[in-house]
Amino acid sequence: AGLALPGLGVVALNLPDPPRHTNPDKQKGSAEGSLGLLLAGLETRVASAGEESTEAGFLEVAGVEGEWVATDQRVHFDEEGFLFMEENASSE
């Protein structure tokens, strides 16, 4: 699974876990139910009621040019940085 946005392309992606012998930090490539990790070169923030939030909110993405693009995707990040779509995303 992953997340692609119009005008930005793919912004998050689940990948296979790295091989154990090359992964001393035990980094995961995917998390069940997630859209994946943010791809390199992108920044994101989650906004709720127009303010940046550490909880669930609407995804905003900045690419290489640094311009923030607001989306209608309601999401949250877990403590490992995986992106999850909120269940009620389509109703807001």
N, C-alpha and C. Protein backbone atom coordinates (compact mmCIF):
# COMPACT_ATOMS: atom_id res chain seq x y z
N ALA A 1 0.84 -1.19 0.00
CA ALA A 1 0.00 0.00 0.00
C ALA A 1 0.88 1.23 0.00
N GLY A 2 0.29 2.33 -0.34
CA GLY A 2 0.99 3.60 -0.37
C GLY A 2 -0.01 4.72 -0.54
N LEU A 3 0.48 5.93 -0.73
CA LEU A 3 -0.38 7.08 -0.93
C LEU A 3 0.19 7.94 -2.05
N ALA A 4 -0.62 8.18 -3.09
CA ALA A 4 -0.27 9.08 -4.18
C ALA A 4 -1.27 10.22 -4.18
N LEU A 5 -0.78 11.43 -4.39
CA LEU A 5 -1.63 12.62 -4.38
C LEU A 5 -1.52 13.35 -5.72
N PRO A 6 -2.63 13.87 -6.23
CA PRO A 6 -2.59 14.60 -7.49
C PRO A 6 -1.60 15.77 -7.42
N GLY A 7 -0.78 15.88 -8.44
CA GLY A 7 0.19 16.95 -8.51
C GLY A 7 1.47 16.68 -7.73
N LEU A 8 1.47 15.68 -6.87
CA LEU A 8 2.66 15.37 -6.09
C LEU A 8 3.21 13.98 -6.38
N GLY A 9 2.35 13.08 -6.80
CA GLY A 9 2.76 11.70 -7.03
C GLY A 9 2.76 10.91 -5.74
N VAL A 10 3.58 9.88 -5.68
CA VAL A 10 3.65 9.02 -4.50
C VAL A 10 4.35 9.76 -3.37
N VAL A 11 3.74 9.78 -2.19
CA VAL A 11 4.33 10.46 -1.03
C VAL A 11 4.67 9.51 0.10
N ALA A 12 4.02 8.35 0.16
CA ALA A 12 4.31 7.36 1.20
C ALA A 12 4.18 5.97 0.59
N LEU A 13 4.98 5.03 1.13
CA LEU A 13 5.01 3.71 0.53
C LEU A 13 5.46 2.68 1.56
N ASN A 14 4.79 1.52 1.58
CA ASN A 14 5.24 0.38 2.37
C ASN A 14 6.22 -0.42 1.53
N LEU A 15 7.29 -0.87 2.13
CA LEU A 15 8.32 -1.66 1.45
C LEU A 15 8.57 -2.94 2.24
N PRO A 16 9.22 -3.92 1.64
CA PRO A 16 9.57 -5.11 2.42
C PRO A 16 10.54 -4.74 3.55
N ASP A 17 10.49 -5.48 4.64
CA ASP A 17 11.46 -5.26 5.72
C ASP A 17 12.86 -5.53 5.19
N PRO A 18 13.85 -4.73 5.62
CA PRO A 18 15.23 -4.99 5.18
C PRO A 18 15.71 -6.35 5.70
N PRO A 19 16.65 -6.99 4.99
CA PRO A 19 17.20 -8.27 5.47
C PRO A 19 17.81 -8.10 6.86
N ARG A 20 17.64 -9.10 7.69
CA ARG A 20 18.12 -9.02 9.08
C ARG A 20 19.62 -8.74 9.18
N HIS A 21 20.42 -9.35 8.32
CA HIS A 21 21.88 -9.19 8.41
C HIS A 21 22.34 -7.78 8.03
N THR A 22 21.51 -6.99 7.37
CA THR A 22 21.88 -5.62 7.00
C THR A 22 21.04 -4.59 7.76
N ASN A 23 20.37 -5.02 8.83
CA ASN A 23 19.43 -4.16 9.54
C ASN A 23 19.65 -4.23 11.06
N PRO A 24 20.80 -3.72 11.55
CA PRO A 24 21.08 -3.83 12.97
C PRO A 24 20.10 -3.06 13.85
N ASP A 25 19.45 -2.05 13.31
CA ASP A 25 18.49 -1.24 14.09
C ASP A 25 17.09 -1.83 14.06
N LYS A 26 16.91 -2.94 13.35
CA LYS A 26 15.61 -3.61 13.23
C LYS A 26 14.52 -2.68 12.69
N GLN A 27 14.91 -1.84 11.73
CA GLN A 27 13.96 -0.92 11.09
C GLN A 27 12.94 -1.71 10.28
N LYS A 28 11.67 -1.31 10.39
CA LYS A 28 10.61 -1.97 9.63
C LYS A 28 10.39 -1.24 8.31
N GLY A 29 10.03 -2.01 7.30
CA GLY A 29 9.70 -1.43 6.00
C GLY A 29 8.22 -1.15 5.85
N SER A 30 7.41 -1.80 6.70
CA SER A 30 5.96 -1.62 6.59
C SER A 30 5.32 -1.83 7.95
N ALA A 31 4.10 -1.37 8.07
CA ALA A 31 3.29 -1.58 9.27
C ALA A 31 1.88 -1.93 8.81
N GLU A 32 1.31 -2.97 9.38
CA GLU A 32 -0.01 -3.42 8.97
C GLU A 32 -1.04 -2.30 9.09
N GLY A 33 -1.79 -2.10 8.01
CA GLY A 33 -2.84 -1.08 8.00
C GLY A 33 -2.36 0.32 7.64
N SER A 34 -1.05 0.48 7.49
CA SER A 34 -0.52 1.81 7.19
C SER A 34 -0.43 2.04 5.69
N LEU A 35 -0.23 3.31 5.33
CA LEU A 35 0.05 3.69 3.95
C LEU A 35 1.54 3.70 3.68
N GLY A 36 2.33 3.52 4.72
CA GLY A 36 3.78 3.45 4.57
C GLY A 36 4.50 4.60 5.23
N LEU A 37 5.79 4.66 4.94
CA LEU A 37 6.65 5.73 5.43
C LEU A 37 6.73 6.84 4.38
N LEU A 38 6.95 8.04 4.84
CA LEU A 38 7.13 9.19 3.96
C LEU A 38 8.38 8.98 3.11
N LEU A 39 8.29 9.29 1.83
CA LEU A 39 9.44 9.15 0.95
C LEU A 39 10.43 10.29 1.16
N ALA A 40 11.69 10.01 0.88
CA ALA A 40 12.76 10.99 1.05
C ALA A 40 12.48 12.23 0.20
N GLY A 41 12.85 13.39 0.72
CA GLY A 41 12.69 14.65 -0.01
C GLY A 41 11.37 15.34 0.23
N LEU A 42 10.48 14.73 1.02
CA LEU A 42 9.18 15.33 1.31
C LEU A 42 9.08 15.68 2.79
N GLU A 43 8.32 16.68 3.07
CA GLU A 43 7.98 17.01 4.45
C GLU A 43 6.47 16.96 4.58
N THR A 44 5.99 16.59 5.74
CA THR A 44 4.55 16.59 5.98
C THR A 44 4.26 17.24 7.31
N ARG A 45 3.05 17.67 7.43
CA ARG A 45 2.52 18.10 8.71
C ARG A 45 1.05 17.75 8.71
N VAL A 46 0.51 17.61 9.90
CA VAL A 46 -0.90 17.28 10.08
C VAL A 46 -1.56 18.50 10.70
N ALA A 47 -2.61 19.00 10.05
CA ALA A 47 -3.30 20.20 10.51
C ALA A 47 -4.71 19.84 10.96
N SER A 48 -5.10 20.41 12.09
CA SER A 48 -6.45 20.23 12.62
C SER A 48 -6.98 21.61 12.98
N ALA A 49 -8.12 21.97 12.44
CA ALA A 49 -8.72 23.29 12.65
C ALA A 49 -7.74 24.40 12.30
N GLY A 50 -6.97 24.19 11.21
CA GLY A 50 -6.07 25.21 10.71
C GLY A 50 -4.75 25.32 11.46
N GLU A 51 -4.54 24.51 12.48
CA GLU A 51 -3.31 24.55 13.27
C GLU A 51 -2.57 23.23 13.13
N GLU A 52 -1.23 23.28 13.22
CA GLU A 52 -0.46 22.05 13.17
C GLU A 52 -0.79 21.20 14.39
N SER A 53 -0.88 19.89 14.20
CA SER A 53 -1.33 19.00 15.26
C SER A 53 -0.44 17.77 15.35
N THR A 54 -0.32 17.22 16.56
CA THR A 54 0.38 15.95 16.72
C THR A 54 -0.61 14.80 16.71
N GLU A 55 -1.89 15.09 16.66
CA GLU A 55 -2.94 14.09 16.60
C GLU A 55 -3.39 13.91 15.15
N ALA A 56 -4.55 13.33 14.94
CA ALA A 56 -5.10 13.17 13.60
C ALA A 56 -5.54 14.52 13.04
N GLY A 57 -5.42 14.65 11.75
CA GLY A 57 -5.84 15.87 11.07
C GLY A 57 -5.64 15.71 9.57
N PHE A 58 -5.69 16.82 8.87
CA PHE A 58 -5.55 16.80 7.42
C PHE A 58 -4.09 16.89 7.01
N LEU A 59 -3.69 16.03 6.09
CA LEU A 59 -2.32 15.94 5.64
C LEU A 59 -1.97 17.14 4.77
N GLU A 60 -0.80 17.74 5.04
CA GLU A 60 -0.21 18.78 4.19
C GLU A 60 1.19 18.30 3.84
N VAL A 61 1.57 18.49 2.57
CA VAL A 61 2.84 17.97 2.07
C VAL A 61 3.62 19.08 1.40
N ALA A 62 4.93 19.13 1.65
CA ALA A 62 5.84 20.05 0.95
C ALA A 62 6.88 19.21 0.22
N GLY A 63 7.03 19.48 -1.05
CA GLY A 63 8.00 18.76 -1.86
C GLY A 63 9.31 19.52 -1.97
N VAL A 64 10.04 19.25 -3.02
CA VAL A 64 11.37 19.81 -3.22
C VAL A 64 11.33 21.34 -3.28
N GLU A 65 10.28 21.89 -3.85
CA GLU A 65 10.19 23.35 -3.98
C GLU A 65 9.80 24.03 -2.68
N GLY A 66 9.39 23.25 -1.68
CA GLY A 66 9.10 23.80 -0.36
C GLY A 66 7.72 24.39 -0.19
N GLU A 67 6.89 24.33 -1.22
CA GLU A 67 5.54 24.89 -1.13
C GLU A 67 4.60 23.86 -0.50
N TRP A 68 3.86 24.27 0.53
CA TRP A 68 2.93 23.36 1.21
C TRP A 68 1.66 23.19 0.40
N VAL A 69 1.23 21.93 0.26
CA VAL A 69 0.01 21.59 -0.46
C VAL A 69 -0.93 20.91 0.52
N ALA A 70 -2.12 21.49 0.71
CA ALA A 70 -3.11 20.90 1.60
C ALA A 70 -3.87 19.80 0.86
N THR A 71 -4.23 18.74 1.57
CA THR A 71 -5.01 17.66 0.98
C THR A 71 -6.29 17.49 1.78
N ASP A 72 -7.19 16.68 1.26
CA ASP A 72 -8.42 16.36 2.00
C ASP A 72 -8.30 15.00 2.68
N GLN A 73 -7.06 14.52 2.83
CA GLN A 73 -6.80 13.23 3.45
C GLN A 73 -6.63 13.40 4.96
N ARG A 74 -7.52 12.79 5.74
CA ARG A 74 -7.42 12.85 7.20
C ARG A 74 -6.57 11.68 7.66
N VAL A 75 -5.44 11.97 8.33
CA VAL A 75 -4.44 10.97 8.65
C VAL A 75 -3.87 11.16 10.06
N HIS A 76 -3.04 10.21 10.45
CA HIS A 76 -2.18 10.37 11.62
C HIS A 76 -0.91 9.55 11.38
N PHE A 77 0.16 9.91 12.07
CA PHE A 77 1.41 9.16 12.04
C PHE A 77 1.57 8.43 13.35
N ASP A 78 2.10 7.20 13.30
CA ASP A 78 2.38 6.50 14.55
C ASP A 78 3.78 6.90 15.04
N GLU A 79 4.20 6.33 16.16
CA GLU A 79 5.48 6.70 16.77
C GLU A 79 6.68 6.27 15.94
N GLU A 80 6.49 5.36 14.99
CA GLU A 80 7.58 4.95 14.10
C GLU A 80 7.59 5.72 12.79
N GLY A 81 6.65 6.63 12.60
CA GLY A 81 6.61 7.43 11.38
C GLY A 81 5.75 6.88 10.26
N PHE A 82 5.00 5.80 10.53
CA PHE A 82 4.12 5.25 9.50
C PHE A 82 2.84 6.08 9.42
N LEU A 83 2.37 6.28 8.20
CA LEU A 83 1.19 7.09 7.91
C LEU A 83 -0.05 6.21 7.87
N PHE A 84 -1.09 6.60 8.59
CA PHE A 84 -2.35 5.87 8.63
C PHE A 84 -3.49 6.79 8.25
N MET A 85 -4.40 6.28 7.42
CA MET A 85 -5.62 7.00 7.05
C MET A 85 -6.61 6.85 8.20
N GLU A 86 -7.29 7.93 8.55
CA GLU A 86 -8.31 7.88 9.59
C GLU A 86 -9.56 7.21 9.04
N GLU A 87 -10.21 6.44 9.87
CA GLU A 87 -11.41 5.70 9.47
C GLU A 87 -12.52 6.59 8.91
N ASN A 88 -12.73 7.75 9.52
CA ASN A 88 -13.81 8.64 9.11
C ASN A 88 -13.37 9.67 8.08
N ALA A 89 -12.30 9.40 7.37
CA ALA A 89 -11.74 10.38 6.44
C ALA A 89 -12.75 10.81 5.36
N SER A 90 -13.56 9.90 4.88
CA SER A 90 -14.46 10.24 3.77
C SER A 90 -15.70 11.00 4.24
N SER A 91 -15.96 11.03 5.52
CA SER A 91 -17.18 11.69 6.00
C SER A 91 -16.97 13.13 6.39
N GLU A 92 -15.71 13.64 6.31
CA GLU A 92 -15.48 15.03 6.71
C GLU A 92 -15.20 15.91 5.54
